[in-house]
Amino acid sequence: MAPDCVGTEVAAQAAALQPGQVLLLENVRFHPQEEQNERTFAQHLAELGDAYVNDAFGAAHRAHASTEGVPRCMGAGASGLLMEREIAYLDETLRCPQLPFTAVLGGAKISGKIELIEHLLDRVDALLIGGGMAYTFFKAMGLEIGDSLLEEDRIDTARQLLTRVEKGGLDLQLPVDCVVADRFAADAQVQVVACDAIPRGWQGMDIGPQTRQRYADQIARGGTIVWNGPLGVCEMVPFAQGTQQVALALAAATREGAVSIIGGGDTAAAVAQAGLAQAMTHISTGGGASLECMSGRVLPGVAVLDDEES
């Protein structure tokens, strides 16, 4: 174990390594030059080795010294097996999906997924929306949402997306019913209501049983299904049923030959909690990296790699 990641002592330890030995460097983030992608710092790191392999997909969306600067200084780099698998599913498979192509998007906010929604809208055969973001769409439609989660500054964005869907004949599906609670708690009073009948003072906590069945039926028809974001407050048992039923539907579709791709830490955790991790085709290890990759962005930590020269 090196005392640092750069410096004369570290360089000496690296030079003294014998075949079969490994030198573990100290955390590069103790140096501000790491996140600054400072050229001299990257060069010092690059001088410690002869080849560069990046297998940290979860950091590939960051143009930092260790992810982008070092391979640029070394002139070449290679992806590890995990990185290779992530790119194969999140980039290549989504560019040429097995049809029909279905996307399931949840989570709390539209704001973190606008780029993903816009990227997928014209590519998928069906886009299923759940989670807290659904209520901003409902508000944009003029519906009463009670005390449900709302992004006031994204109502116009939601309205524009809905207009685009209507004009383009695209298939964006929103919940038809919701599980609502009188407060944000596991022991709250609960009722199931239509999406246009949320009582004032109550808040949406999960997709309702009709929506779960509709989404499960859509998933069953899918050839490729990508899922990012829980469909309810799944950390509370009473509001985890929507997320769990979608996970079960994906597992069943995968057994029938569909390709299922799970992106995002919360979604991966929900699938694991349901005991279905092994039933999916691919579960991404990257949170922000998987979201950006599925949104069509080129990740700097991937773009800099050049396997042919390494």
C-alpha atoms as a PDB file:
ATOM      1  CA  MET A   1       0.000   0.000   0.000  1.00  0.00           C
ATOM      2  CA  ALA A   2       1.491   3.297  -1.109  1.00  0.00           C
ATOM      3  CA  PRO A   3       1.386   6.301   1.242  1.00  0.00           C
ATOM      4  CA  ASP A   4       0.067   8.500  -1.576  1.00  0.00           C
ATOM      5  CA  CYS A   5      -0.790   8.229  -5.258  1.00  0.00           C
ATOM      6  CA  VAL A   6       2.042  10.470  -6.535  1.00  0.00           C
ATOM      7  CA  GLY A   7       5.471  11.545  -5.326  1.00  0.00           C
ATOM      8  CA  THR A   8       9.049  10.242  -5.281  1.00  0.00           C
ATOM      9  CA  GLU A   9       8.360   7.524  -2.683  1.00  0.00           C
ATOM     10  CA  VAL A  10       5.415   6.196  -4.692  1.00  0.00           C
ATOM     11  CA  ALA A  11       7.456   6.271  -7.911  1.00  0.00           C
ATOM     12  CA  ALA A  12      10.233   4.294  -6.196  1.00  0.00           C
ATOM     13  CA  GLN A  13       7.756   1.696  -4.912  1.00  0.00           C
ATOM     14  CA  ALA A  14       6.283   1.300  -8.411  1.00  0.00           C
ATOM     15  CA  ALA A  15       9.741   0.911  -9.960  1.00  0.00           C
ATOM     16  CA  ALA A  16      10.682  -1.774  -7.414  1.00  0.00           C
ATOM     17  CA  LEU A  17       7.676  -4.008  -8.129  1.00  0.00           C
ATOM     18  CA  GLN A  18       8.487  -7.600  -9.056  1.00  0.00           C
ATOM     19  CA  PRO A  19       6.422  -9.804 -11.416  1.00  0.00           C
ATOM     20  CA  GLY A  20       3.187 -10.770  -9.702  1.00  0.00           C
ATOM     21  CA  GLN A  21       3.244  -7.914  -7.213  1.00  0.00           C
ATOM     22  CA  VAL A  22       0.589  -5.171  -6.967  1.00  0.00           C
ATOM     23  CA  LEU A  23       0.941  -1.658  -5.572  1.00  0.00           C
ATOM     24  CA  LEU A  24      -2.287  -0.100  -4.331  1.00  0.00           C
ATOM     25  CA  LEU A  25      -2.214   3.693  -4.514  1.00  0.00           C
ATOM     26  CA  GLU A  26      -3.869   6.002  -1.993  1.00  0.00           C
ATOM     27  CA  ASN A  27      -7.188   7.626  -2.954  1.00  0.00           C
ATOM     28  CA  VAL A  28      -6.588  10.087  -5.803  1.00  0.00           C
ATOM     29  CA  ARG A  29      -9.421  12.299  -4.542  1.00  0.00           C
ATOM     30  CA  PHE A  30      -7.291  13.520  -1.680  1.00  0.00           C
ATOM     31  CA  HIS A  31      -5.753  15.740  -4.380  1.00  0.00           C
ATOM     32  CA  PRO A  32      -7.937  18.539  -5.828  1.00  0.00           C
ATOM     33  CA  GLN A  33      -6.044  18.117  -9.106  1.00  0.00           C
ATOM     34  CA  GLU A  34      -7.918  14.834  -9.628  1.00  0.00           C
ATOM     35  CA  GLU A  35     -11.324  16.440 -10.174  1.00  0.00           C
ATOM     36  CA  GLN A  36      -9.673  19.364 -11.973  1.00  0.00           C
ATOM     37  CA  ASN A  37      -8.134  16.877 -14.436  1.00  0.00           C
ATOM     38  CA  GLU A  38      -4.878  18.774 -14.024  1.00  0.00           C
ATOM     39  CA  ARG A  39      -2.356  17.754 -16.684  1.00  0.00           C
ATOM     40  CA  THR A  40       0.764  17.560 -14.482  1.00  0.00           C
ATOM     41  CA  PHE A  41      -1.017  15.456 -11.872  1.00  0.00           C
ATOM     42  CA  ALA A  42      -2.296  13.094 -14.574  1.00  0.00           C
ATOM     43  CA  GLN A  43       1.219  12.853 -16.018  1.00  0.00           C
ATOM     44  CA  HIS A  44       2.655  11.866 -12.632  1.00  0.00           C
ATOM     45  CA  LEU A  45       0.046   9.115 -12.342  1.00  0.00           C
ATOM     46  CA  ALA A  46       0.736   7.957 -15.895  1.00  0.00           C
ATOM     47  CA  GLU A  47       4.468   7.613 -15.184  1.00  0.00           C
ATOM     48  CA  LEU A  48       3.739   4.872 -12.647  1.00  0.00           C
ATOM     49  CA  GLY A  49       2.798   2.310 -15.290  1.00  0.00           C
ATOM     50  CA  ASP A  50       3.081   1.141 -18.883  1.00  0.00           C
ATOM     51  CA  ALA A  51      -0.577   0.337 -19.597  1.00  0.00           C
ATOM     52  CA  TYR A  52      -3.931   1.760 -18.502  1.00  0.00           C
ATOM     53  CA  VAL A  53      -7.113  -0.259 -17.937  1.00  0.00           C
ATOM     54  CA  ASN A  54     -10.318   1.395 -16.677  1.00  0.00           C
ATOM     55  CA  ASP A  55     -12.964  -0.890 -15.214  1.00  0.00           C
ATOM     56  CA  ALA A  56     -14.735   1.784 -13.133  1.00  0.00           C
ATOM     57  CA  PHE A  57     -17.820   2.448 -15.239  1.00  0.00           C
ATOM     58  CA  GLY A  58     -19.455   4.297 -12.351  1.00  0.00           C
ATOM     59  CA  ALA A  59     -16.846   7.066 -12.748  1.00  0.00           C
ATOM     60  CA  ALA A  60     -16.656   7.041 -16.561  1.00  0.00           C
ATOM     61  CA  HIS A  61     -18.952  10.070 -16.909  1.00  0.00           C
ATOM     62  CA  ARG A  62     -16.400  12.236 -15.105  1.00  0.00           C
ATOM     63  CA  ALA A  63     -13.514  13.871 -16.984  1.00  0.00           C
ATOM     64  CA  HIS A  64     -11.102  13.538 -14.080  1.00  0.00           C
ATOM     65  CA  ALA A  65      -7.371  12.915 -14.076  1.00  0.00           C
ATOM     66  CA  SER A  66      -7.663   9.210 -13.260  1.00  0.00           C
ATOM     67  CA  THR A  67     -10.452   8.571 -15.774  1.00  0.00           C
ATOM     68  CA  GLU A  68      -9.574  10.846 -18.698  1.00  0.00           C
ATOM     69  CA  GLY A  69      -6.203  12.509 -18.087  1.00  0.00           C
ATOM     70  CA  VAL A  70      -4.044   9.438 -17.474  1.00  0.00           C
ATOM     71  CA  PRO A  71      -4.968   7.493 -20.643  1.00  0.00           C
ATOM     72  CA  ARG A  72      -4.578  10.697 -22.647  1.00  0.00           C
ATOM     73  CA  CYS A  73      -1.069  11.139 -21.223  1.00  0.00           C
ATOM     74  CA  MET A  74      -0.211   7.505 -21.891  1.00  0.00           C
ATOM     75  CA  GLY A  75      -1.528   7.668 -25.438  1.00  0.00           C
ATOM     76  CA  ALA A  76      -3.737   4.595 -25.095  1.00  0.00           C
ATOM     77  CA  GLY A  77      -6.030   2.771 -22.722  1.00  0.00           C
ATOM     78  CA  ALA A  78      -8.262  -0.264 -22.511  1.00  0.00           C
ATOM     79  CA  SER A  79     -11.613  -1.067 -20.949  1.00  0.00           C
ATOM     80  CA  GLY A  80     -11.935  -3.784 -18.332  1.00  0.00           C
ATOM     81  CA  LEU A  81     -14.463  -6.599 -18.628  1.00  0.00           C
ATOM     82  CA  LEU A  82     -17.078  -4.787 -16.526  1.00  0.00           C
ATOM     83  CA  MET A  83     -16.701  -1.585 -18.544  1.00  0.00           C
ATOM     84  CA  GLU A  84     -16.981  -3.591 -21.749  1.00  0.00           C
ATOM     85  CA  ARG A  85     -20.206  -5.219 -20.572  1.00  0.00           C
ATOM     86  CA  GLU A  86     -21.725  -1.893 -19.478  1.00  0.00           C
ATOM     87  CA  ILE A  87     -21.032  -0.278 -22.849  1.00  0.00           C
ATOM     88  CA  ALA A  88     -22.318  -3.330 -24.702  1.00  0.00           C
ATOM     89  CA  TYR A  89     -25.718  -3.082 -23.002  1.00  0.00           C
ATOM     90  CA  LEU A  90     -26.164   0.625 -22.254  1.00  0.00           C
ATOM     91  CA  ASP A  91     -24.845   1.870 -25.579  1.00  0.00           C
ATOM     92  CA  GLU A  92     -24.755  -0.793 -28.272  1.00  0.00           C
ATOM     93  CA  THR A  93     -27.883  -2.729 -27.277  1.00  0.00           C
ATOM     94  CA  LEU A  94     -29.940   0.442 -26.857  1.00  0.00           C
ATOM     95  CA  ARG A  95     -28.831   1.733 -30.261  1.00  0.00           C
ATOM     96  CA  CYS A  96     -30.003  -1.493 -31.929  1.00  0.00           C
ATOM     97  CA  PRO A  97     -32.565  -2.961 -29.515  1.00  0.00           C
ATOM     98  CA  GLN A  98     -34.505  -6.156 -29.897  1.00  0.00           C
ATOM     99  CA  LEU A  99     -38.044  -4.939 -30.649  1.00  0.00           C
ATOM    100  CA  PRO A 100     -40.496  -3.983 -29.273  1.00  0.00           C
ATOM    101  CA  PHE A 101     -38.430  -1.543 -27.229  1.00  0.00           C
ATOM    102  CA  THR A 102     -39.992  -0.500 -23.908  1.00  0.00           C
ATOM    103  CA  ALA A 103     -38.631   1.974 -21.352  1.00  0.00           C
ATOM    104  CA  VAL A 104     -39.815   2.277 -17.756  1.00  0.00           C
ATOM    105  CA  LEU A 105     -38.861   5.500 -15.991  1.00  0.00           C
ATOM    106  CA  GLY A 106     -39.540   6.383 -12.379  1.00  0.00           C
ATOM    107  CA  GLY A 107     -37.874   8.245  -9.559  1.00  0.00           C
ATOM    108  CA  ALA A 108     -38.724  11.463  -7.822  1.00  0.00           C
ATOM    109  CA  LYS A 109     -38.043  14.142 -10.393  1.00  0.00           C
ATOM    110  CA  ILE A 110     -38.355  14.918 -14.084  1.00  0.00           C
ATOM    111  CA  SER A 111     -35.395  17.307 -13.884  1.00  0.00           C
ATOM    112  CA  GLY A 112     -32.814  14.532 -13.605  1.00  0.00           C
ATOM    113  CA  LYS A 113     -34.300  12.594 -16.505  1.00  0.00           C
ATOM    114  CA  ILE A 114     -35.349  15.187 -19.085  1.00  0.00           C
ATOM    115  CA  GLU A 115     -32.458  14.348 -21.383  1.00  0.00           C
ATOM    116  CA  LEU A 116     -33.174  10.626 -21.042  1.00  0.00           C
ATOM    117  CA  ILE A 117     -36.891  11.090 -21.766  1.00  0.00           C
ATOM    118  CA  GLU A 118     -36.157  13.235 -24.819  1.00  0.00           C
ATOM    119  CA  HIS A 119     -33.572  10.743 -26.078  1.00  0.00           C
ATOM    120  CA  LEU A 120     -35.875   7.745 -25.679  1.00  0.00           C
ATOM    121  CA  LEU A 121     -39.199   9.210 -26.831  1.00  0.00           C
ATOM    122  CA  ASP A 122     -38.599   8.736 -30.559  1.00  0.00           C
ATOM    123  CA  ARG A 123     -36.774   5.427 -30.076  1.00  0.00           C
ATOM    124  CA  VAL A 124     -39.055   3.350 -27.877  1.00  0.00           C
ATOM    125  CA  ASP A 125     -42.310   1.663 -28.757  1.00  0.00           C
ATOM    126  CA  ALA A 126     -43.648   2.534 -25.300  1.00  0.00           C
ATOM    127  CA  LEU A 127     -42.445   4.776 -22.472  1.00  0.00           C
ATOM    128  CA  LEU A 128     -43.976   3.975 -19.076  1.00  0.00           C
ATOM    129  CA  ILE A 129     -43.794   6.693 -16.415  1.00  0.00           C
ATOM    130  CA  GLY A 130     -44.143   6.256 -12.652  1.00  0.00           C
ATOM    131  CA  GLY A 131     -42.717   7.555  -9.407  1.00  0.00           C
ATOM    132  CA  GLY A 132     -42.812  11.135  -8.205  1.00  0.00           C
ATOM    133  CA  MET A 133     -42.199  12.541 -11.676  1.00  0.00           C
ATOM    134  CA  ALA A 134     -45.654  11.408 -12.785  1.00  0.00           C
ATOM    135  CA  TYR A 135     -47.322  14.075 -10.649  1.00  0.00           C
ATOM    136  CA  THR A 136     -45.568  16.928 -12.443  1.00  0.00           C
ATOM    137  CA  PHE A 137     -47.004  15.494 -15.676  1.00  0.00           C
ATOM    138  CA  PHE A 138     -50.452  15.337 -14.043  1.00  0.00           C
ATOM    139  CA  LYS A 139     -50.125  18.972 -12.952  1.00  0.00           C
ATOM    140  CA  ALA A 140     -49.188  19.918 -16.521  1.00  0.00           C
ATOM    141  CA  MET A 141     -52.425  18.213 -17.621  1.00  0.00           C
ATOM    142  CA  GLY A 142     -54.409  20.379 -15.183  1.00  0.00           C
ATOM    143  CA  LEU A 143     -55.145  17.581 -12.710  1.00  0.00           C
ATOM    144  CA  GLU A 144     -55.409  17.933  -8.934  1.00  0.00           C
ATOM    145  CA  ILE A 145     -52.390  16.244  -7.337  1.00  0.00           C
ATOM    146  CA  GLY A 146     -52.984  17.129  -3.670  1.00  0.00           C
ATOM    147  CA  ASP A 147     -49.706  17.258  -1.765  1.00  0.00           C
ATOM    148  CA  SER A 148     -47.888  14.944  -4.183  1.00  0.00           C
ATOM    149  CA  LEU A 149     -44.322  15.654  -5.174  1.00  0.00           C
ATOM    150  CA  LEU A 150     -44.186  18.503  -7.684  1.00  0.00           C
ATOM    151  CA  GLU A 151     -41.454  20.344  -9.552  1.00  0.00           C
ATOM    152  CA  GLU A 152     -43.062  23.714 -10.174  1.00  0.00           C
ATOM    153  CA  ASP A 153     -40.243  24.828 -12.469  1.00  0.00           C
ATOM    154  CA  ARG A 154     -40.685  21.745 -14.680  1.00  0.00           C
ATOM    155  CA  ILE A 155     -44.407  22.006 -15.389  1.00  0.00           C
ATOM    156  CA  ASP A 156     -43.782  23.743 -18.725  1.00  0.00           C
ATOM    157  CA  THR A 157     -41.199  21.083 -19.632  1.00  0.00           C
ATOM    158  CA  ALA A 158     -43.722  18.342 -18.863  1.00  0.00           C
ATOM    159  CA  ARG A 159     -46.351  20.148 -20.918  1.00  0.00           C
ATOM    160  CA  GLN A 160     -43.956  20.440 -23.876  1.00  0.00           C
ATOM    161  CA  LEU A 161     -43.163  16.731 -23.691  1.00  0.00           C
ATOM    162  CA  LEU A 162     -46.855  15.866 -23.653  1.00  0.00           C
ATOM    163  CA  THR A 163     -47.444  18.090 -26.687  1.00  0.00           C
ATOM    164  CA  ARG A 164     -44.583  16.377 -28.493  1.00  0.00           C
ATOM    165  CA  VAL A 165     -46.093  12.984 -27.649  1.00  0.00           C
ATOM    166  CA  GLU A 166     -49.530  14.029 -28.945  1.00  0.00           C
ATOM    167  CA  LYS A 167     -48.212  15.571 -32.166  1.00  0.00           C
ATOM    168  CA  GLY A 168     -45.832  12.725 -32.879  1.00  0.00           C
ATOM    169  CA  GLY A 169     -48.225   9.908 -32.088  1.00  0.00           C
ATOM    170  CA  LEU A 170     -45.787   8.584 -29.518  1.00  0.00           C
ATOM    171  CA  ASP A 171     -46.678   6.123 -26.767  1.00  0.00           C
ATOM    172  CA  LEU A 172     -46.006   7.723 -23.380  1.00  0.00           C
ATOM    173  CA  GLN A 173     -48.065   6.058 -20.674  1.00  0.00           C
ATOM    174  CA  LEU A 174     -48.831   7.638 -17.306  1.00  0.00           C
ATOM    175  CA  PRO A 175     -50.465   5.940 -14.310  1.00  0.00           C
ATOM    176  CA  VAL A 176     -54.238   5.566 -14.539  1.00  0.00           C
ATOM    177  CA  ASP A 177     -54.567   5.060 -10.793  1.00  0.00           C
ATOM    178  CA  CYS A 178     -52.441   5.826  -7.741  1.00  0.00           C
ATOM    179  CA  VAL A 179     -51.944   4.709  -4.178  1.00  0.00           C
ATOM    180  CA  VAL A 180     -52.248   7.855  -2.074  1.00  0.00           C
ATOM    181  CA  ALA A 181     -51.596   8.508   1.621  1.00  0.00           C
ATOM    182  CA  ASP A 182     -52.672  11.214   4.026  1.00  0.00           C
ATOM    183  CA  ARG A 183     -49.043  11.700   5.079  1.00  0.00           C
ATOM    184  CA  PHE A 184     -45.551  10.566   4.141  1.00  0.00           C
ATOM    185  CA  ALA A 185     -45.255   7.593   6.481  1.00  0.00           C
ATOM    186  CA  ALA A 186     -45.411   3.806   6.366  1.00  0.00           C
ATOM    187  CA  ASP A 187     -48.368   3.756   8.770  1.00  0.00           C
ATOM    188  CA  ALA A 188     -50.363   6.467   6.999  1.00  0.00           C
ATOM    189  CA  GLN A 189     -53.963   6.080   5.889  1.00  0.00           C
ATOM    190  CA  VAL A 190     -54.020   4.737   2.349  1.00  0.00           C
ATOM    191  CA  GLN A 191     -56.482   4.586  -0.516  1.00  0.00           C
ATOM    192  CA  VAL A 192     -56.393   3.806  -4.226  1.00  0.00           C
ATOM    193  CA  VAL A 193     -57.813   6.506  -6.503  1.00  0.00           C
ATOM    194  CA  ALA A 194     -57.952   7.321 -10.200  1.00  0.00           C
ATOM    195  CA  CYS A 195     -55.196   9.640 -11.396  1.00  0.00           C
ATOM    196  CA  ASP A 196     -57.746  12.454 -11.764  1.00  0.00           C
ATOM    197  CA  ALA A 197     -59.234  11.953  -8.282  1.00  0.00           C
ATOM    198  CA  ILE A 198     -56.359  12.582  -5.891  1.00  0.00           C
ATOM    199  CA  PRO A 199     -57.876  14.251  -2.804  1.00  0.00           C
ATOM    200  CA  ARG A 200     -56.529  17.564  -1.600  1.00  0.00           C
ATOM    201  CA  GLY A 201     -54.125  17.095   1.282  1.00  0.00           C
ATOM    202  CA  TRP A 202     -53.193  13.560   0.181  1.00  0.00           C
ATOM    203  CA  GLN A 203     -50.063  12.559  -1.731  1.00  0.00           C
ATOM    204  CA  GLY A 204     -49.238   9.965  -4.358  1.00  0.00           C
ATOM    205  CA  MET A 205     -46.986   7.190  -3.053  1.00  0.00           C
ATOM    206  CA  ASP A 206     -47.168   4.399  -5.657  1.00  0.00           C
ATOM    207  CA  ILE A 207     -48.755   3.381  -8.928  1.00  0.00           C
ATOM    208  CA  GLY A 208     -52.129   1.704  -8.458  1.00  0.00           C
ATOM    209  CA  PRO A 209     -53.154  -1.906  -9.246  1.00  0.00           C
ATOM    210  CA  GLN A 210     -54.651  -1.092 -12.669  1.00  0.00           C
ATOM    211  CA  THR A 211     -51.456   0.688 -13.690  1.00  0.00           C
ATOM    212  CA  ARG A 212     -49.308  -2.178 -12.407  1.00  0.00           C
ATOM    213  CA  GLN A 213     -51.220  -4.622 -14.591  1.00  0.00           C
ATOM    214  CA  ARG A 214     -51.113  -2.349 -17.650  1.00  0.00           C
ATOM    215  CA  TYR A 215     -47.366  -1.864 -17.270  1.00  0.00           C
ATOM    216  CA  ALA A 216     -46.779  -5.587 -16.670  1.00  0.00           C
ATOM    217  CA  ASP A 217     -48.727  -6.403 -19.848  1.00  0.00           C
ATOM    218  CA  GLN A 218     -46.671  -3.887 -21.832  1.00  0.00           C
ATOM    219  CA  ILE A 219     -43.418  -5.265 -20.439  1.00  0.00           C
ATOM    220  CA  ALA A 220     -44.481  -8.812 -21.353  1.00  0.00           C
ATOM    221  CA  ARG A 221     -44.648  -7.726 -24.997  1.00  0.00           C
ATOM    222  CA  GLY A 222     -41.195  -6.150 -24.932  1.00  0.00           C
ATOM    223  CA  GLY A 223     -38.125  -7.428 -26.742  1.00  0.00           C
ATOM    224  CA  THR A 224     -35.834  -4.991 -24.953  1.00  0.00           C
ATOM    225  CA  ILE A 225     -36.854  -3.330 -21.697  1.00  0.00           C
ATOM    226  CA  VAL A 226     -34.803  -0.653 -19.958  1.00  0.00           C
ATOM    227  CA  TRP A 227     -35.776   0.469 -16.458  1.00  0.00           C
ATOM    228  CA  ASN A 228     -34.495   3.455 -14.497  1.00  0.00           C
ATOM    229  CA  GLY A 229     -36.124   4.681 -11.296  1.00  0.00           C
ATOM    230  CA  PRO A 230     -38.537   3.160  -8.724  1.00  0.00           C
ATOM    231  CA  LEU A 231     -42.251   3.596  -9.391  1.00  0.00           C
ATOM    232  CA  GLY A 232     -43.175   4.499  -5.821  1.00  0.00           C
ATOM    233  CA  VAL A 233     -41.774   5.132  -2.371  1.00  0.00           C
ATOM    234  CA  CYS A 234     -40.436   1.580  -2.367  1.00  0.00           C
ATOM    235  CA  GLU A 235     -38.371   2.000   0.801  1.00  0.00           C
ATOM    236  CA  MET A 236     -41.721   1.862   2.643  1.00  0.00           C
ATOM    237  CA  VAL A 237     -43.300  -1.596   2.410  1.00  0.00           C
ATOM    238  CA  PRO A 238     -46.905  -0.403   1.787  1.00  0.00           C
ATOM    239  CA  PHE A 239     -45.748   1.568  -1.267  1.00  0.00           C
ATOM    240  CA  ALA A 240     -43.333  -0.946  -2.811  1.00  0.00           C
ATOM    241  CA  GLN A 241     -45.883  -3.076  -4.664  1.00  0.00           C
ATOM    242  CA  GLY A 242     -45.718  -1.161  -7.948  1.00  0.00           C
ATOM    243  CA  THR A 243     -41.938  -1.392  -8.132  1.00  0.00           C
ATOM    244  CA  GLN A 244     -42.012  -5.069  -7.128  1.00  0.00           C
ATOM    245  CA  GLN A 245     -44.640  -6.004  -9.700  1.00  0.00           C
ATOM    246  CA  VAL A 246     -42.674  -4.303 -12.468  1.00  0.00           C
ATOM    247  CA  ALA A 247     -39.552  -6.176 -11.327  1.00  0.00           C
ATOM    248  CA  LEU A 248     -41.481  -9.472 -11.479  1.00  0.00           C
ATOM    249  CA  ALA A 249     -42.776  -8.598 -14.956  1.00  0.00           C
ATOM    250  CA  LEU A 250     -39.237  -7.873 -16.166  1.00  0.00           C
ATOM    251  CA  ALA A 251     -37.972 -11.147 -14.728  1.00  0.00           C
ATOM    252  CA  ALA A 252     -40.765 -13.044 -16.508  1.00  0.00           C
ATOM    253  CA  ALA A 253     -40.111 -11.256 -19.805  1.00  0.00           C
ATOM    254  CA  THR A 254     -36.393 -12.047 -19.519  1.00  0.00           C
ATOM    255  CA  ARG A 255     -37.163 -15.742 -19.066  1.00  0.00           C
ATOM    256  CA  GLU A 256     -39.127 -15.551 -22.325  1.00  0.00           C
ATOM    257  CA  GLY A 257     -36.129 -14.130 -24.192  1.00  0.00           C
ATOM    258  CA  ALA A 258     -36.383 -10.365 -23.690  1.00  0.00           C
ATOM    259  CA  VAL A 259     -33.315  -8.275 -22.864  1.00  0.00           C
ATOM    260  CA  SER A 260     -33.776  -6.461 -19.535  1.00  0.00           C
ATOM    261  CA  ILE A 261     -31.439  -3.611 -18.602  1.00  0.00           C
ATOM    262  CA  ILE A 262     -31.568  -2.019 -15.158  1.00  0.00           C
ATOM    263  CA  GLY A 263     -29.945   1.385 -14.647  1.00  0.00           C
ATOM    264  CA  GLY A 264     -29.609   3.494 -11.526  1.00  0.00           C
ATOM    265  CA  GLY A 265     -28.641   2.598  -7.975  1.00  0.00           C
ATOM    266  CA  ASP A 266     -32.157   2.866  -6.509  1.00  0.00           C
ATOM    267  CA  THR A 267     -33.583   0.602  -9.210  1.00  0.00           C
ATOM    268  CA  ALA A 268     -30.786  -1.926  -8.807  1.00  0.00           C
ATOM    269  CA  ALA A 269     -31.366  -1.932  -5.038  1.00  0.00           C
ATOM    270  CA  ALA A 270     -35.099  -2.493  -5.520  1.00  0.00           C
ATOM    271  CA  VAL A 271     -34.460  -5.420  -7.859  1.00  0.00           C
ATOM    272  CA  ALA A 272     -31.972  -6.919  -5.408  1.00  0.00           C
ATOM    273  CA  GLN A 273     -34.409  -6.432  -2.516  1.00  0.00           C
ATOM    274  CA  ALA A 274     -37.018  -8.357  -4.500  1.00  0.00           C
ATOM    275  CA  GLY A 275     -34.498 -11.188  -4.945  1.00  0.00           C
ATOM    276  CA  LEU A 276     -34.573 -10.806  -8.740  1.00  0.00           C
ATOM    277  CA  ALA A 277     -31.083  -9.513  -9.536  1.00  0.00           C
ATOM    278  CA  GLN A 278     -30.048 -12.801 -11.153  1.00  0.00           C
ATOM    279  CA  ALA A 279     -33.199 -12.805 -13.279  1.00  0.00           C
ATOM    280  CA  MET A 280     -32.241  -9.656 -15.232  1.00  0.00           C
ATOM    281  CA  THR A 281     -30.016  -9.542 -18.297  1.00  0.00           C
ATOM    282  CA  HIS A 282     -27.901  -6.646 -17.059  1.00  0.00           C
ATOM    283  CA  ILE A 283     -27.841  -4.456 -13.963  1.00  0.00           C
ATOM    284  CA  SER A 284     -25.630  -1.409 -14.336  1.00  0.00           C
ATOM    285  CA  THR A 285     -23.072  -0.557 -11.656  1.00  0.00           C
ATOM    286  CA  GLY A 286     -23.133   3.125 -12.578  1.00  0.00           C
ATOM    287  CA  GLY A 287     -25.677   5.648 -11.306  1.00  0.00           C
ATOM    288  CA  GLY A 288     -24.959   8.915 -13.106  1.00  0.00           C
ATOM    289  CA  ALA A 289     -22.844   7.109 -15.687  1.00  0.00           C
ATOM    290  CA  SER A 290     -25.644   4.743 -16.703  1.00  0.00           C
ATOM    291  CA  LEU A 291     -28.152   7.615 -16.872  1.00  0.00           C
ATOM    292  CA  GLU A 292     -25.867   9.671 -19.120  1.00  0.00           C
ATOM    293  CA  CYS A 293     -25.019   6.687 -21.300  1.00  0.00           C
ATOM    294  CA  MET A 294     -28.695   5.788 -21.794  1.00  0.00           C
ATOM    295  CA  SER A 295     -29.337   9.456 -22.615  1.00  0.00           C
ATOM    296  CA  GLY A 296     -27.017   9.144 -25.602  1.00  0.00           C
ATOM    297  CA  ARG A 297     -24.092  11.051 -24.146  1.00  0.00           C
ATOM    298  CA  VAL A 298     -20.503  10.089 -24.885  1.00  0.00           C
ATOM    299  CA  LEU A 299     -18.789   9.426 -21.556  1.00  0.00           C
ATOM    300  CA  PRO A 300     -15.331  11.040 -21.348  1.00  0.00           C
ATOM    301  CA  GLY A 301     -13.878   8.033 -19.535  1.00  0.00           C
ATOM    302  CA  VAL A 302     -15.015   5.799 -22.383  1.00  0.00           C
ATOM    303  CA  ALA A 303     -14.260   8.102 -25.308  1.00  0.00           C
ATOM    304  CA  VAL A 304     -10.600   8.400 -24.325  1.00  0.00           C
ATOM    305  CA  LEU A 305     -10.022   4.652 -24.382  1.00  0.00           C
ATOM    306  CA  ASP A 306      -8.496   3.164 -27.512  1.00  0.00           C
ATOM    307  CA  ASP A 307      -8.418  -0.596 -27.325  1.00  0.00           C
ATOM    308  CA  GLU A 308      -6.901  -1.010 -30.762  1.00  0.00           C
ATOM    309  CA  GLU A 309      -3.689   0.757 -29.790  1.00  0.00           C
ATOM    310  CA  SER A 310      -3.388  -0.741 -26.314  1.00  0.00           C
END
